[in-house]
Amino acid sequence: MVILGIDPGLRSIGYGLINSVNNTIKAITSGNFSINPRLSFPERLKNIYDNIQNLLDDYNPDVMAIENVFVNKNAKVSLKLGHARGVIILAVVNRGIPVAEYSPREIKQSIVGVGRASKQQVQAMVLNILNLHNKTLQVDEADGLAVAICHEFKKKKYGV
């Protein structure tokens, strides 16, 4: 099963694709794409949509897992992030791909065992789980992989 994990953002979208076969998780690819802040907001949403379409074309995942929006102190930022998530979800659902959503706390709990884990702890555990000891991951990239791994762990545990 190929799982696409997405860490949504307004400036950068982190993603990670993993393959789960016979209780073994392997990284397929990961990265992030930056959103040009000079573009108008609608153009940025289109850019996000186009990048997600390219990922779907290239890797044809079986499922996508995405991080839920946390409520930011700035309501305007939370609203815009919700728009970005909506565009991502729409792109995936239009392809008939199921979507799972997880809170930041759920993801950290699943990966590190602590819901308030730091970004560095998540990054270290992602590298360990995927046996990528000689690789350096950007924060958004590690978060994208963490979302995908979280889904795999939840699927095994709860049949999600």
C-alpha atoms as a PDB file:
ATOM      1  CA  MET A   1       0.000   0.000   0.000  1.00  0.00           C
ATOM      2  CA  VAL A   2       1.380   3.381  -1.023  1.00  0.00           C
ATOM      3  CA  ILE A   3       0.559   6.125   1.485  1.00  0.00           C
ATOM      4  CA  LEU A   4       0.984   9.824   0.735  1.00  0.00           C
ATOM      5  CA  GLY A   5       1.476  11.951   3.847  1.00  0.00           C
ATOM      6  CA  ILE A   6       0.959  15.710   3.631  1.00  0.00           C
ATOM      7  CA  ASP A   7       2.015  18.446   6.025  1.00  0.00           C
ATOM      8  CA  PRO A   8       0.036  21.420   4.706  1.00  0.00           C
ATOM      9  CA  GLY A   9       1.312  24.959   4.897  1.00  0.00           C
ATOM     10  CA  LEU A  10       0.983  28.346   3.285  1.00  0.00           C
ATOM     11  CA  ARG A  11       4.645  28.767   2.384  1.00  0.00           C
ATOM     12  CA  SER A  12       5.734  25.164   2.039  1.00  0.00           C
ATOM     13  CA  ILE A  13       3.947  21.830   1.703  1.00  0.00           C
ATOM     14  CA  GLY A  14       5.806  18.824   3.070  1.00  0.00           C
ATOM     15  CA  TYR A  15       5.112  15.411   1.611  1.00  0.00           C
ATOM     16  CA  GLY A  16       6.257  11.868   2.078  1.00  0.00           C
ATOM     17  CA  LEU A  17       5.349   8.655   0.321  1.00  0.00           C
ATOM     18  CA  ILE A  18       5.858   5.311   1.954  1.00  0.00           C
ATOM     19  CA  ASN A  19       5.152   1.767   0.888  1.00  0.00           C
ATOM     20  CA  SER A  20       3.836  -0.727   3.393  1.00  0.00           C
ATOM     21  CA  VAL A  21       4.286  -4.386   2.478  1.00  0.00           C
ATOM     22  CA  ASN A  22       4.328  -7.386   4.840  1.00  0.00           C
ATOM     23  CA  ASN A  23       4.678  -5.237   7.989  1.00  0.00           C
ATOM     24  CA  THR A  24       7.636  -3.372   6.492  1.00  0.00           C
ATOM     25  CA  ILE A  25       7.554   0.358   5.838  1.00  0.00           C
ATOM     26  CA  LYS A  26       9.881   1.812   3.232  1.00  0.00           C
ATOM     27  CA  ALA A  27      10.277   5.382   2.059  1.00  0.00           C
ATOM     28  CA  ILE A  28       9.506   5.942  -1.607  1.00  0.00           C
ATOM     29  CA  THR A  29      10.224   9.658  -1.767  1.00  0.00           C
ATOM     30  CA  SER A  30       9.778  12.828   0.223  1.00  0.00           C
ATOM     31  CA  GLY A  31      10.284  16.528  -0.105  1.00  0.00           C
ATOM     32  CA  ASN A  32       8.479  19.800  -0.063  1.00  0.00           C
ATOM     33  CA  PHE A  33       7.395  22.408  -2.503  1.00  0.00           C
ATOM     34  CA  SER A  34       7.482  26.089  -1.802  1.00  0.00           C
ATOM     35  CA  ILE A  35       4.631  28.403  -2.574  1.00  0.00           C
ATOM     36  CA  ASN A  36       5.652  31.732  -4.088  1.00  0.00           C
ATOM     37  CA  PRO A  37       4.446  34.425  -1.653  1.00  0.00           C
ATOM     38  CA  ARG A  38       4.356  36.975  -4.485  1.00  0.00           C
ATOM     39  CA  LEU A  39       1.469  35.144  -6.127  1.00  0.00           C
ATOM     40  CA  SER A  40      -2.075  36.159  -5.309  1.00  0.00           C
ATOM     41  CA  PHE A  41      -3.821  33.876  -2.841  1.00  0.00           C
ATOM     42  CA  PRO A  42      -5.950  32.187  -5.545  1.00  0.00           C
ATOM     43  CA  GLU A  43      -2.792  31.627  -7.624  1.00  0.00           C
ATOM     44  CA  ARG A  44      -1.057  30.082  -4.617  1.00  0.00           C
ATOM     45  CA  LEU A  45      -4.000  27.690  -4.169  1.00  0.00           C
ATOM     46  CA  LYS A  46      -3.745  26.711  -7.837  1.00  0.00           C
ATOM     47  CA  ASN A  47      -0.007  26.158  -7.397  1.00  0.00           C
ATOM     48  CA  ILE A  48      -0.718  23.829  -4.466  1.00  0.00           C
ATOM     49  CA  TYR A  49      -3.350  21.976  -6.510  1.00  0.00           C
ATOM     50  CA  ASP A  50      -0.989  21.573  -9.477  1.00  0.00           C
ATOM     51  CA  ASN A  51       1.837  20.257  -7.280  1.00  0.00           C
ATOM     52  CA  ILE A  52      -0.481  17.715  -5.648  1.00  0.00           C
ATOM     53  CA  GLN A  53      -1.707  16.632  -9.098  1.00  0.00           C
ATOM     54  CA  ASN A  54       1.908  16.038 -10.129  1.00  0.00           C
ATOM     55  CA  LEU A  55       2.535  13.885  -7.035  1.00  0.00           C
ATOM     56  CA  LEU A  56      -0.610  11.877  -7.749  1.00  0.00           C
ATOM     57  CA  ASP A  57       0.386  11.421 -11.404  1.00  0.00           C
ATOM     58  CA  ASP A  58       3.905  10.306 -10.485  1.00  0.00           C
ATOM     59  CA  TYR A  59       3.138   7.963  -7.569  1.00  0.00           C
ATOM     60  CA  ASN A  60      -0.562   6.997  -7.698  1.00  0.00           C
ATOM     61  CA  PRO A  61      -0.980   6.518  -3.920  1.00  0.00           C
ATOM     62  CA  ASP A  62      -3.642   4.232  -2.456  1.00  0.00           C
ATOM     63  CA  VAL A  63      -4.493   6.658   0.343  1.00  0.00           C
ATOM     64  CA  MET A  64      -3.544  10.133   1.540  1.00  0.00           C
ATOM     65  CA  ALA A  65      -3.103  11.140   5.159  1.00  0.00           C
ATOM     66  CA  ILE A  66      -3.071  14.846   6.006  1.00  0.00           C
ATOM     67  CA  GLU A  67      -2.455  16.829   9.167  1.00  0.00           C
ATOM     68  CA  ASN A  68      -5.488  18.653  10.565  1.00  0.00           C
ATOM     69  CA  VAL A  69      -5.359  22.397  10.976  1.00  0.00           C
ATOM     70  CA  PHE A  70      -4.569  23.485  14.481  1.00  0.00           C
ATOM     71  CA  VAL A  71      -6.249  26.669  15.634  1.00  0.00           C
ATOM     72  CA  ASN A  72      -3.718  29.434  15.260  1.00  0.00           C
ATOM     73  CA  LYS A  73      -3.766  32.615  17.319  1.00  0.00           C
ATOM     74  CA  ASN A  74      -4.226  34.435  14.026  1.00  0.00           C
ATOM     75  CA  ALA A  75      -7.657  33.471  12.659  1.00  0.00           C
ATOM     76  CA  LYS A  76      -6.778  34.767   9.190  1.00  0.00           C
ATOM     77  CA  VAL A  77      -3.792  32.398   8.967  1.00  0.00           C
ATOM     78  CA  SER A  78      -5.915  29.458  10.157  1.00  0.00           C
ATOM     79  CA  LEU A  79      -8.552  30.254   7.558  1.00  0.00           C
ATOM     80  CA  LYS A  80      -5.991  30.433   4.753  1.00  0.00           C
ATOM     81  CA  LEU A  81      -4.419  27.166   5.883  1.00  0.00           C
ATOM     82  CA  GLY A  82      -7.885  25.630   5.809  1.00  0.00           C
ATOM     83  CA  HIS A  83      -8.206  26.754   2.192  1.00  0.00           C
ATOM     84  CA  ALA A  84      -4.868  25.109   1.343  1.00  0.00           C
ATOM     85  CA  ARG A  85      -5.947  21.856   3.004  1.00  0.00           C
ATOM     86  CA  GLY A  86      -9.252  21.997   1.134  1.00  0.00           C
ATOM     87  CA  VAL A  87      -7.488  22.303  -2.212  1.00  0.00           C
ATOM     88  CA  ILE A  88      -5.226  19.360  -1.365  1.00  0.00           C
ATOM     89  CA  ILE A  89      -8.140  17.206  -0.227  1.00  0.00           C
ATOM     90  CA  LEU A  90     -10.149  18.119  -3.323  1.00  0.00           C
ATOM     91  CA  ALA A  91      -7.279  17.165  -5.635  1.00  0.00           C
ATOM     92  CA  VAL A  92      -7.010  13.760  -3.963  1.00  0.00           C
ATOM     93  CA  VAL A  93     -10.734  13.022  -3.632  1.00  0.00           C
ATOM     94  CA  ASN A  94     -11.240  13.910  -7.309  1.00  0.00           C
ATOM     95  CA  ARG A  95      -8.976  10.941  -8.075  1.00  0.00           C
ATOM     96  CA  GLY A  96     -11.055   8.607  -5.901  1.00  0.00           C
ATOM     97  CA  ILE A  97      -8.289   8.297  -3.310  1.00  0.00           C
ATOM     98  CA  PRO A  98      -9.406   7.971   0.336  1.00  0.00           C
ATOM     99  CA  VAL A  99      -8.279  10.646   2.800  1.00  0.00           C
ATOM    100  CA  ALA A 100      -7.421  10.239   6.477  1.00  0.00           C
ATOM    101  CA  GLU A 101      -6.904  13.207   8.808  1.00  0.00           C
ATOM    102  CA  TYR A 102      -4.799  13.302  11.972  1.00  0.00           C
ATOM    103  CA  SER A 103      -4.146  15.986  14.549  1.00  0.00           C
ATOM    104  CA  PRO A 104      -0.564  17.125  15.204  1.00  0.00           C
ATOM    105  CA  ARG A 105      -0.811  15.540  18.646  1.00  0.00           C
ATOM    106  CA  GLU A 106      -1.969  12.192  17.204  1.00  0.00           C
ATOM    107  CA  ILE A 107       0.915  12.193  14.743  1.00  0.00           C
ATOM    108  CA  LYS A 108       3.517  12.964  17.390  1.00  0.00           C
ATOM    109  CA  GLN A 109       2.026  10.363  19.758  1.00  0.00           C
ATOM    110  CA  SER A 110       2.115   7.759  17.002  1.00  0.00           C
ATOM    111  CA  ILE A 111       5.702   8.494  15.924  1.00  0.00           C
ATOM    112  CA  VAL A 112       7.455   9.453  19.148  1.00  0.00           C
ATOM    113  CA  GLY A 113       5.084   8.179  21.829  1.00  0.00           C
ATOM    114  CA  VAL A 114       4.602  11.687  23.224  1.00  0.00           C
ATOM    115  CA  GLY A 115       1.927  14.070  21.969  1.00  0.00           C
ATOM    116  CA  ARG A 116       4.037  17.128  22.709  1.00  0.00           C
ATOM    117  CA  ALA A 117       7.210  15.908  21.021  1.00  0.00           C
ATOM    118  CA  SER A 118       9.486  18.452  19.385  1.00  0.00           C
ATOM    119  CA  LYS A 119      10.033  18.736  15.637  1.00  0.00           C
ATOM    120  CA  GLN A 120      13.559  17.369  16.171  1.00  0.00           C
ATOM    121  CA  GLN A 121      12.233  14.301  18.013  1.00  0.00           C
ATOM    122  CA  VAL A 122       9.756  13.594  15.210  1.00  0.00           C
ATOM    123  CA  GLN A 123      12.500  14.026  12.632  1.00  0.00           C
ATOM    124  CA  ALA A 124      14.836  11.638  14.473  1.00  0.00           C
ATOM    125  CA  MET A 125      12.140   8.981  14.858  1.00  0.00           C
ATOM    126  CA  VAL A 126      11.105   9.226  11.197  1.00  0.00           C
ATOM    127  CA  LEU A 127      14.722   8.639  10.179  1.00  0.00           C
ATOM    128  CA  ASN A 128      14.911   5.694  12.570  1.00  0.00           C
ATOM    129  CA  ILE A 129      11.587   4.089  11.574  1.00  0.00           C
ATOM    130  CA  LEU A 130      12.424   4.332   7.867  1.00  0.00           C
ATOM    131  CA  ASN A 131      16.066   3.351   8.398  1.00  0.00           C
ATOM    132  CA  LEU A 132      17.285   6.538   6.710  1.00  0.00           C
ATOM    133  CA  HIS A 133      20.227   7.121   9.021  1.00  0.00           C
ATOM    134  CA  ASN A 134      22.433   8.791   6.380  1.00  0.00           C
ATOM    135  CA  LYS A 135      19.760  11.194   5.135  1.00  0.00           C
ATOM    136  CA  THR A 136      18.929  14.715   6.220  1.00  0.00           C
ATOM    137  CA  LEU A 137      15.282  15.697   6.120  1.00  0.00           C
ATOM    138  CA  GLN A 138      13.853  19.181   6.051  1.00  0.00           C
ATOM    139  CA  VAL A 139      11.263  19.786   8.773  1.00  0.00           C
ATOM    140  CA  ASP A 140       8.226  19.833   6.425  1.00  0.00           C
ATOM    141  CA  GLU A 141       9.516  16.752   4.621  1.00  0.00           C
ATOM    142  CA  ALA A 142       9.917  14.833   7.903  1.00  0.00           C
ATOM    143  CA  ASP A 143       6.426  15.926   8.934  1.00  0.00           C
ATOM    144  CA  GLY A 144       4.968  14.650   5.635  1.00  0.00           C
ATOM    145  CA  LEU A 145       6.615  11.271   6.198  1.00  0.00           C
ATOM    146  CA  ALA A 146       5.427  11.287   9.826  1.00  0.00           C
ATOM    147  CA  VAL A 147       1.809  11.753   8.704  1.00  0.00           C
ATOM    148  CA  ALA A 148       2.135   8.786   6.325  1.00  0.00           C
ATOM    149  CA  ILE A 149       3.741   6.614   9.019  1.00  0.00           C
ATOM    150  CA  CYS A 150       1.051   7.638  11.513  1.00  0.00           C
ATOM    151  CA  HIS A 151      -1.607   6.414   9.094  1.00  0.00           C
ATOM    152  CA  GLU A 152       0.158   3.086   8.662  1.00  0.00           C
ATOM    153  CA  PHE A 153       0.467   2.627  12.429  1.00  0.00           C
ATOM    154  CA  LYS A 154      -3.205   3.561  12.988  1.00  0.00           C
ATOM    155  CA  LYS A 155      -4.294   1.234  10.172  1.00  0.00           C
ATOM    156  CA  LYS A 156      -2.449  -1.669  11.781  1.00  0.00           C
ATOM    157  CA  LYS A 157      -3.699  -0.887  15.273  1.00  0.00           C
ATOM    158  CA  TYR A 158      -7.312   0.104  14.568  1.00  0.00           C
ATOM    159  CA  GLY A 159      -7.988  -1.066  11.034  1.00  0.00           C
ATOM    160  CA  VAL A 160      -8.437   2.552   9.871  1.00  0.00           C
END
